[in-house]
Amino acid sequence: MRRPLSLLSPRAVALVLVVLGLLAGACGDGIAPPAAEVNGNAITQVELDDELESIGANAEYVEFLESQGNTIFGAAKGTFAADFVRRVLTRQIYLELVHEEYVRRKLRAVTKEDRDLVEQNVAREVGGPEILEKFDARYRTMLLDRSAEVAKLQLDMAGEEIDDETIRTFYEQNQELFVQTCARHILFAVIGADGNVDTEATGAQSATLQAEAQAAKARVNAGEDFAALARELSDDTGSKESGGDLG
């Protein structure tokens, strides 16, 4: 059963995160503002807002997500549920890690042929080709680019020759890898009396919060249990008791 969610406007979200991604040995800690920072590369608040607005504008996709038990919008007009904002940001952090490794390995830029190969799987992930088509062209292309980079990076890490037939075969045999990303986090932020993130106070204390996040990251790297640390340190009351699990 889902916990009650606090509500934030997407443009008011300022989070300091320690996130363990799904790439072996990779982790990222985001600093607010901006929305997050991964290995020195910023995920801007504008990028987070744009993705939330692209999702919110696709009514059929929102309905698909809600049918799976997700709460997308807040009670006030123009707001998103805080838990959903955290999930979108966490996915952006994970995909930034993927992109950084993709660039580091000097893999071939994603082409139209790559997008065509992954389109069927991306359509399945968002609830069907009709729903995928309802996204604006820019966001739809971004979804395809992201999925193609994940597939090509995994193939390269496995030592496989990357060509169109290999990518197609990989998708057909590993569709479960692209359904969803599960993540945990530890949130460092100033929480106001209303239970929401106090963005002004969080921004003002970002240096202190960053130091706390780095200290937590060091403890994780030293082998301490992530879930136990989340229960001890996280300011996210919605996930800390479950060890920072975001689902």
Foldseek 3Di string as FASTA:
>chain_A
DADDFDWDQLLLDFWWKWWDFPPPPDTATFFPPPNGAGPNRHDGSVNLNVVLVLCVQLVVLVVVVVVVVDFFADPDPNIGTPLVSVQSVNVVNNLVVLVVVLVVVVDDQDDPLQLVLCVQLLQVLSPHPVSLVSGPPVVSVVSSRSVSSVLVSVCVVVVHDDDSVVSNVSCVVPSVVPNDTKIFMAIQADADPVRHGPRVVSVVCRVVSVVVSVVLVVVVVVPDDQLVVLLVGHSNPRQNPVSRISD
